[in-house]
Structure formats: C-alpha cells, structure tokens
Protein backbone atom coordinates (compact mmCIF):
# COMPACT_ATOMS: atom_id res chain seq x y z
CA MET A 1 176.51 180.76 144.65
CA THR A 2 176.90 184.20 145.91
CA PHE A 3 174.46 186.31 148.27
CA GLU A 4 173.72 188.27 145.13
CA ASP A 5 172.81 185.62 143.32
CA ARG A 6 170.14 184.35 145.85
CA THR A 7 168.52 187.78 145.89
CA THR A 8 168.82 188.14 142.17
CA GLN A 9 167.06 184.81 141.71
CA ALA A 10 164.08 185.25 144.50
CA ALA A 11 163.40 188.39 142.50
CA ALA A 12 163.00 186.84 139.23
CA ARG A 13 160.52 184.27 140.30
CA LYS A 14 157.31 184.07 138.45
CA PRO A 15 154.12 185.47 139.80
CA PHE A 16 151.77 183.07 141.35
CA TYR A 17 149.46 183.26 138.47
CA LYS A 18 152.06 181.68 135.79
CA ARG A 19 152.72 179.03 138.17
CA TRP A 20 151.71 175.44 137.45
CA TRP A 21 150.19 174.49 140.22
CA PHE A 22 147.72 177.68 139.26
CA ILE A 23 147.19 176.51 136.03
CA ALA A 24 146.18 173.45 136.88
CA ALA A 25 143.61 174.66 139.73
CA SER A 26 142.49 177.31 137.27
CA PHE A 27 141.66 174.48 134.55
CA LEU A 28 140.17 172.16 137.06
CA LEU A 29 137.65 174.82 138.51
CA VAL A 30 136.39 175.62 134.92
CA LEU A 31 136.05 171.94 134.09
CA PHE A 32 134.19 171.79 137.01
CA LEU A 33 131.97 174.81 136.58
CA ALA A 34 131.34 173.37 133.05
CA LEU A 35 130.38 170.40 133.69
CA LEU A 36 127.97 171.51 136.58
CA ILE A 37 126.39 173.76 134.22
CA PHE A 38 126.25 172.03 131.16
CA THR A 39 124.89 168.53 132.67
CA PRO A 40 121.43 167.92 132.28
CA ALA A 41 119.58 167.28 135.39
CA GLN A 42 119.31 163.13 136.48
CA GLU A 43 115.92 161.70 137.18
CA SER A 44 115.99 160.44 140.81
CA ALA A 45 116.36 156.69 141.08
CA PRO A 46 112.78 154.89 141.80
CA THR A 47 112.20 153.75 145.13
CA ASP A 48 110.23 151.09 147.04
CA SER A 49 107.39 153.46 147.58
CA GLY A 50 105.87 152.90 144.61
CA ASP A 51 107.07 156.39 143.01
CA VAL A 52 107.69 154.47 139.57
CA ALA A 53 104.26 152.87 139.19
CA GLU A 54 102.20 155.96 139.81
CA GLU A 55 103.89 158.05 137.51
CA ILE A 56 102.78 155.26 134.80
CA THR A 57 100.25 156.11 132.47
CA LEU A 58 99.50 152.93 130.30
CA HIS A 59 99.44 153.12 126.69
CA PRO A 60 97.43 150.50 124.28
CA ILE A 61 99.35 148.31 121.96
CA GLY A 62 100.04 150.54 118.68
CA GLU A 63 99.69 154.08 120.70
CA PRO A 64 102.66 156.17 120.07
CA ILE A 65 104.07 157.66 123.39
CA GLU A 66 105.94 160.79 123.21
CA ALA A 67 108.81 161.70 125.38
CA PRO A 68 111.33 164.38 125.30
CA GLY A 69 113.58 163.41 121.84
CA VAL A 70 111.62 160.42 121.24
CA THR A 71 108.09 158.70 120.06
CA LEU A 72 107.68 155.21 120.79
CA THR A 73 104.88 152.90 119.47
CA VAL A 74 104.61 149.37 121.31
CA GLU A 75 103.75 146.96 118.52
CA SER A 76 103.43 143.90 120.28
CA VAL A 77 104.16 141.84 123.96
CA THR A 78 104.81 138.27 123.79
CA ARG A 79 106.38 135.72 126.50
CA SER A 80 108.96 133.10 125.55
CA ASP A 81 110.87 130.67 127.71
CA SER A 82 113.63 131.55 125.07
CA ILE A 83 115.12 134.22 122.66
CA GLU A 84 117.31 133.98 119.69
CA LEU A 85 120.73 136.26 119.58
CA TYR A 86 123.21 136.79 117.29
CA ALA A 87 126.44 135.24 118.11
CA ASP A 88 128.40 136.63 120.56
CA GLY A 89 131.72 137.93 119.44
CA TYR A 90 130.98 137.46 115.43
CA LYS A 91 130.09 139.72 112.75
CA ARG A 92 126.01 139.40 112.05
CA GLY A 93 125.31 136.51 110.01
CA TYR A 94 128.82 134.80 109.97
CA MET A 95 128.09 132.34 112.81
CA PRO A 96 124.96 130.36 113.51
CA ASN A 97 122.22 132.40 116.07
CA GLU A 98 122.36 131.35 119.57
CA THR A 99 119.47 130.35 121.70
CA LEU A 100 119.43 132.01 125.32
CA ASN A 101 116.62 129.83 127.75
CA ALA A 102 115.60 131.58 130.52
CA ASP A 103 116.90 129.58 133.56
CA LYS A 104 114.66 130.85 135.75
CA GLY A 105 111.30 132.55 134.84
CA GLU A 106 110.60 133.63 131.22
CA TYR A 107 111.37 136.20 128.82
CA ALA A 108 108.83 139.16 128.10
CA ILE A 109 109.53 140.81 124.29
CA VAL A 110 108.37 143.92 123.72
CA LYS A 111 108.71 144.90 120.20
CA THR A 112 108.77 148.61 119.13
CA ASP A 113 109.04 151.50 116.78
CA VAL A 114 111.22 154.18 117.74
CA LYS A 115 111.55 157.43 116.46
CA ASN A 116 114.03 160.43 117.13
CA THR A 117 112.53 163.46 117.42
CA GLY A 118 115.03 164.78 119.50
CA GLN A 119 118.08 167.36 118.13
CA SER A 120 120.72 164.67 118.26
CA PRO A 121 121.76 161.03 117.16
CA MET A 122 120.95 158.31 119.68
CA ASP A 123 122.23 154.97 120.37
CA LEU A 124 119.13 152.79 121.28
CA THR A 125 121.27 149.21 122.22
CA CYS A 126 124.79 150.35 123.68
CA GLY A 127 123.65 153.80 124.51
CA PHE A 128 120.69 153.57 126.68
CA ALA A 129 119.24 156.61 124.70
CA VAL A 130 115.42 155.26 126.16
CA ARG A 131 114.97 153.95 129.42
CA ALA A 132 112.26 151.36 128.59
CA LEU A 133 111.23 149.85 132.08
CA LEU A 134 108.51 147.09 132.24
CA ILE A 135 106.17 147.33 135.41
CA ASN A 136 103.52 144.26 136.16
CA THR A 137 100.41 144.56 137.93
CA GLU A 138 102.28 144.54 141.24
CA ASN A 139 104.15 147.86 140.63
CA GLN A 140 107.12 145.89 140.19
CA VAL A 141 110.03 147.05 137.78
CA TYR A 142 112.03 145.13 135.58
CA ASP A 143 115.38 146.48 133.35
CA PRO A 144 115.97 144.91 129.90
CA ILE A 145 118.69 142.32 129.72
CA ASP A 146 122.30 143.19 129.08
CA SER A 147 123.33 143.08 125.49
CA LEU A 148 120.38 144.47 123.36
CA TYR A 149 122.36 144.62 120.35
CA ARG A 150 122.55 141.11 120.19
CA ILE A 151 119.02 140.50 119.68
CA ILE A 152 117.96 139.80 116.38
CA ASP A 153 116.90 142.18 113.79
CA ASN A 154 117.97 145.04 116.65
CA PRO A 155 120.25 147.78 115.59
CA GLU A 156 124.00 146.92 116.05
CA CYS A 157 126.07 148.96 119.14
CA ASN A 158 126.91 152.38 118.25
CA ASP A 159 124.39 152.39 115.43
CA SER A 160 123.06 156.02 115.65
CA LEU A 161 119.41 156.72 114.94
CA ASN A 162 119.51 160.07 113.61
CA PRO A 163 117.00 162.91 114.21
CA GLY A 164 113.84 162.49 112.61
CA PHE A 165 114.65 158.80 111.72
CA GLU A 166 112.68 155.75 113.00
CA THR A 167 113.74 152.16 113.19
CA GLN A 168 112.81 148.93 115.26
CA MET A 169 113.85 148.38 118.06
CA THR A 170 113.24 145.12 120.72
CA TRP A 171 113.56 144.90 124.37
CA VAL A 172 113.66 141.87 126.26
CA TYR A 173 112.89 141.57 130.08
CA GLN A 174 113.30 138.31 132.16
CA ILE A 175 110.46 138.18 134.22
CA PRO A 176 109.13 135.59 136.65
CA SER A 177 106.62 132.79 134.82
CA ASP A 178 103.51 133.99 137.72
CA THR A 179 104.02 137.44 136.61
C-alpha cells in the first residue's frame, strides 16, 4: 500500500454519525428516554413504620372497592388448615386435585368479584394486575401465596380479563393461627 492509498483511505472514512457505535449509543439513549417517559411511577414499598396500615380504609364484606382500573368486591373471608389446588403440571381436570396443608399457621381465603374498569386487559393470577394484601389487626401485611392460578375456580395463568368484564377470584394467604 502506497502513501497515496493511505491518504485516500483516511479521507473516505464515514462521518461519526454514520458509525456503528454512534448509532448504537443513539438507540440506547432513545430507548432509555422512552422507558423513562412511558413507565408509570411506582409506589414506594411499605416500611415497618406502619405506612400501609395508616392508608387502609376498611370496607365491609359485599361493598365494592374502587381503585384505578379495577372494582373489587369481597364476597367472603374464611380460614382453613388446607386448600385444594389443581394438580401441578397438568391440564385442569385431567388429574385429581391436590391438597396443600399449612405446615405452620393456617390459610385465610378471600373470595372476591373483580371487574376490569381500566383500558387494557389484566392477568389476575400470573400478571399480578391487582396487588391484594391482607392486613391483620396488628398492622402486619401478608402477600398471597404463589401459584394463584392453581386455586380451584381461579382464572388460568395468562387468562386475560378484558375491560368491562367481571370474574371471580380467590386470594389465599398463609397466616399465623393466632391472627
């Protein structure tokens, strides 16, 4: 390669805005800005100071509770030492149901009616569209058990509840026996 070839080659280089690293950096910047703009603000996590319980308004059983995108009505609350689940890993109805015993404590079973009042579908069992917490008289907060889709008569995983429709949903919480 001669000196003339090298000088010609340097002059033929692409401008910086056409190079791969500039295009990749620009794409990542646009993606970051889009996520920043279009991601809804998240609520802060509850702290041990009792923030969650102070914000809670108790509703009688049977009274609709309205929240952004959802109306939920608690139909019943019961306690049990065990719950019946669809068999794990099988299509519903093809295997006998399983019984899950509470190793420690017991289960609080909350049966509800849920209406999607929002603008888009929601997955109640696997998408966690509704954050349903159970709070006892001591302001202790409980999350529902895993695999809500296995609870008898609950919607299946990825079974979307479209806007304007209503379904029954059961949340199960493991709680201490003395609660």
